[in-house]
Amino acid sequence: MSDQFWMSFAIMWGTWAVVMSLVMGWLARRHLRKDTASNQHVLTYPLIFLIVGIACATFFLALTVFALYLRVFFLSPVIWFIPAASCLGAVIIVMYVRVRHTIEPSGLRYQTLISGRGFIRWNDVSRVSYIQLSKQFFIYGTVGEGVGISIMLVSLPEFAHAVLQNVPPERIDANALNLLEQMAAG
């Protein structure tokens, strides 16, 4: 293949990566907005997350159909990324619909993308940690159950207050404790 093809390919995906990084950074900052009192204790993804998922799935699905129409898949072995990106948009949509956690006085009721529903009592929390790579808090119970709380979720300050009030500080990792205190302070 020509150098011009690879240069245009690199510019296209480089632009996409920069735009997606900016959008994801904006989404991460959206968790600090104030919610109505009825949703104050529910951790969900913001509406913009659904919009990004629909836009991503639609765009890459249309690009897939267009590539099939032109029979581009037979010409380039790297074009299989396009349908995979469309599937990523579909996963984002399912995450928006399915992932939902509720902060209760006695614990955290959770619903995850894959493992389903559960409940962790604040008294049964064995460890709270923060993983920088995945940008998630992980709460582990004494019976082995665990749940990840993404920092993109709305109502994280309420989550931080609940954890700091109900979980003894010795069960919270230092990195997680520092970040939870910052979130609780706003």
Protein backbone atom coordinates (compact mmCIF):
# COMPACT_ATOMS: atom_id res chain seq x y z
CA MET A 1 0.00 0.00 0.00
CA SER A 2 1.13 3.52 -0.61
CA ASP A 3 2.51 5.88 1.98
CA GLN A 4 -0.32 8.30 1.24
CA PHE A 5 -2.89 5.66 2.25
CA TRP A 6 -1.15 4.99 5.56
CA MET A 7 -0.79 8.73 6.25
CA SER A 8 -4.51 9.34 5.67
CA PHE A 9 -5.31 6.28 7.77
CA ALA A 10 -3.12 7.59 10.62
CA ILE A 11 -4.64 11.08 10.42
CA MET A 12 -8.19 9.67 10.44
CA TRP A 13 -7.67 7.46 13.50
CA GLY A 14 -5.48 10.05 15.24
CA THR A 15 -8.25 12.63 14.89
CA TRP A 16 -10.78 10.11 16.17
CA ALA A 17 -8.57 9.34 19.20
CA VAL A 18 -8.14 13.04 20.07
CA VAL A 19 -11.87 13.76 19.74
CA MET A 20 -12.81 10.71 21.82
CA SER A 21 -10.25 11.67 24.49
CA LEU A 22 -11.79 15.14 24.73
CA VAL A 23 -15.33 13.73 24.90
CA MET A 24 -14.38 11.16 27.56
CA GLY A 25 -12.65 13.86 29.63
CA TRP A 26 -15.79 15.97 29.42
CA LEU A 27 -17.89 12.98 30.48
CA ALA A 28 -15.61 12.38 33.49
CA ARG A 29 -16.18 15.96 34.67
CA ARG A 30 -19.97 15.64 34.28
CA HIS A 31 -20.32 13.48 37.41
CA LEU A 32 -20.06 16.56 39.62
CA ARG A 33 -23.29 18.16 38.39
CA LYS A 34 -26.17 18.39 40.85
CA ASP A 35 -29.11 16.05 40.37
CA THR A 36 -32.68 16.31 41.47
CA ALA A 37 -33.46 15.07 44.97
CA SER A 38 -35.18 11.94 43.61
CA ASN A 39 -32.02 10.69 41.86
CA GLN A 40 -29.54 11.91 44.44
CA HIS A 41 -28.67 8.41 45.70
CA VAL A 42 -28.67 6.64 42.34
CA LEU A 43 -25.38 6.23 40.48
CA THR A 44 -25.98 6.10 36.72
CA TYR A 45 -24.18 7.19 33.60
CA PRO A 46 -25.14 10.67 32.33
CA LEU A 47 -27.41 11.06 29.30
CA ILE A 48 -24.50 12.20 27.14
CA PHE A 49 -23.06 8.70 27.57
CA LEU A 50 -26.10 7.28 25.75
CA ILE A 51 -25.81 9.92 23.04
CA VAL A 52 -22.14 9.08 22.45
CA GLY A 53 -22.99 5.35 22.30
CA ILE A 54 -25.77 5.89 19.75
CA ALA A 55 -23.60 8.20 17.64
CA CYS A 56 -20.66 5.75 17.71
CA ALA A 57 -22.79 2.71 16.86
CA THR A 58 -24.68 4.53 14.10
CA PHE A 59 -21.60 6.05 12.50
CA PHE A 60 -19.57 2.85 12.44
CA LEU A 61 -22.54 0.74 11.35
CA ALA A 62 -23.08 3.11 8.41
CA LEU A 63 -19.36 2.96 7.65
CA THR A 64 -19.52 -0.85 7.73
CA VAL A 65 -22.43 -0.93 5.29
CA PHE A 66 -20.62 1.53 3.03
CA ALA A 67 -17.42 -0.56 3.15
CA LEU A 68 -19.37 -3.72 2.33
CA TYR A 69 -21.05 -1.92 -0.56
CA LEU A 70 -17.66 -0.93 -1.97
CA ARG A 71 -16.19 -4.35 -1.09
CA VAL A 72 -13.37 -2.65 0.79
CA PHE A 73 -13.09 -5.53 3.24
CA PHE A 74 -11.52 -7.66 0.54
CA LEU A 75 -8.92 -5.00 -0.21
CA SER A 76 -7.60 -4.18 3.24
CA PRO A 77 -7.07 -6.52 6.18
CA VAL A 78 -7.25 -3.68 8.76
CA ILE A 79 -10.81 -2.59 7.93
CA TRP A 80 -12.30 -5.17 10.33
CA PHE A 81 -11.85 -2.50 13.05
CA ILE A 82 -14.92 -0.68 11.72
CA PRO A 83 -17.54 -3.31 12.73
CA ALA A 84 -15.72 -3.78 16.04
CA ALA A 85 -16.09 -0.05 16.76
CA SER A 86 -19.80 -0.32 16.02
CA CYS A 87 -20.04 -3.10 18.61
CA LEU A 88 -18.26 -0.82 21.09
CA GLY A 89 -21.02 1.75 20.59
CA ALA A 90 -23.60 -0.94 21.31
CA VAL A 91 -21.78 -1.88 24.54
CA ILE A 92 -21.85 1.78 25.64
CA ILE A 93 -25.62 1.87 25.06
CA VAL A 94 -26.14 -1.33 27.09
CA MET A 95 -23.94 0.08 29.88
CA TYR A 96 -26.08 3.22 30.04
CA VAL A 97 -29.28 1.18 30.28
CA ARG A 98 -28.09 -1.59 32.60
CA VAL A 99 -25.48 -0.25 35.05
CA ARG A 100 -27.21 1.33 38.05
CA HIS A 101 -26.21 1.49 41.70
CA THR A 102 -28.31 2.76 44.60
CA ILE A 103 -26.84 4.14 47.82
CA GLU A 104 -28.92 2.99 50.79
CA PRO A 105 -28.40 3.65 54.51
CA SER A 106 -27.46 0.01 55.10
CA GLY A 107 -25.34 -0.55 51.99
CA LEU A 108 -24.93 -0.36 48.23
CA ARG A 109 -27.39 -2.06 45.89
CA TYR A 110 -25.74 -2.62 42.54
CA GLN A 111 -26.51 -3.80 39.03
CA THR A 112 -23.53 -4.43 36.79
CA LEU A 113 -23.17 -4.97 33.07
CA ILE A 114 -22.37 -8.70 33.21
CA SER A 115 -22.59 -10.22 36.69
CA GLY A 116 -26.06 -8.95 37.54
CA ARG A 117 -27.50 -7.57 40.75
CA GLY A 118 -26.35 -7.66 44.32
CA PHE A 119 -26.15 -5.88 47.64
CA ILE A 120 -23.13 -5.09 49.79
CA ARG A 121 -23.80 -4.00 53.36
CA TRP A 122 -21.54 -1.22 54.61
CA ASN A 123 -20.64 -3.40 57.62
CA ASP A 124 -19.52 -6.21 55.30
CA VAL A 125 -17.13 -4.11 53.18
CA SER A 126 -13.66 -5.62 53.51
CA ARG A 127 -11.80 -3.23 51.23
CA VAL A 128 -12.30 -0.15 49.04
CA SER A 129 -9.65 0.58 46.45
CA TYR A 130 -9.20 2.81 43.42
CA ILE A 131 -7.67 1.47 40.22
CA GLN A 132 -6.18 4.31 38.15
CA LEU A 133 -6.01 2.32 34.90
CA SER A 134 -9.75 1.57 34.78
CA LYS A 135 -10.74 4.76 36.67
CA GLN A 136 -12.97 2.78 39.04
CA PHE A 137 -13.48 2.35 42.73
CA PHE A 138 -13.73 -1.31 43.71
CA ILE A 139 -15.73 -2.29 46.77
CA TYR A 140 -15.13 -5.81 48.06
CA GLY A 141 -17.41 -7.61 50.50
CA THR A 142 -16.45 -10.22 53.07
CA VAL A 143 -18.07 -13.06 51.11
CA GLY A 144 -16.04 -12.36 47.98
CA GLU A 145 -18.54 -10.21 46.12
CA GLY A 146 -17.25 -7.03 44.58
CA VAL A 147 -18.41 -4.18 42.42
CA GLY A 148 -16.66 -1.52 40.37
CA ILE A 149 -17.90 2.07 40.53
CA SER A 150 -16.79 4.13 37.51
CA ILE A 151 -15.82 7.75 38.09
CA MET A 152 -18.03 8.67 35.13
CA LEU A 153 -21.20 7.95 37.09
CA VAL A 154 -23.45 10.79 38.22
CA SER A 155 -23.88 11.40 42.00
CA LEU A 156 -20.34 10.40 42.98
CA PRO A 157 -20.14 13.00 45.79
CA GLU A 158 -23.03 11.22 47.54
CA PHE A 159 -21.23 7.92 47.03
CA ALA A 160 -18.07 9.41 48.55
CA HIS A 161 -20.02 10.69 51.58
CA ALA A 162 -21.64 7.28 52.10
CA VAL A 163 -18.35 5.38 51.93
CA LEU A 164 -16.52 7.83 54.21
CA GLN A 165 -19.33 7.74 56.80
CA ASN A 166 -20.00 4.00 56.79
CA VAL A 167 -16.72 2.22 56.02
CA PRO A 168 -13.89 2.34 58.58
CA PRO A 169 -10.85 4.24 57.21
CA GLU A 170 -8.51 1.26 57.72
CA ARG A 171 -10.52 -0.65 55.09
CA ILE A 172 -10.02 2.08 52.47
CA ASP A 173 -6.77 2.21 50.51
CA ALA A 174 -4.82 5.47 50.85
CA ASN A 175 -5.27 6.43 47.19
CA ALA A 176 -9.02 5.75 47.33
CA LEU A 177 -9.37 7.59 50.65
CA ASN A 178 -7.70 10.70 49.25
CA LEU A 179 -9.88 10.70 46.13
CA LEU A 180 -13.09 10.04 48.11
CA GLU A 181 -12.31 12.97 50.43
CA GLN A 182 -11.78 15.24 47.42
CA MET A 183 -15.08 14.11 45.86
CA ALA A 184 -16.97 14.59 49.11
CA ALA A 185 -15.59 18.13 49.40
CA GLY A 186 -16.72 18.90 45.85
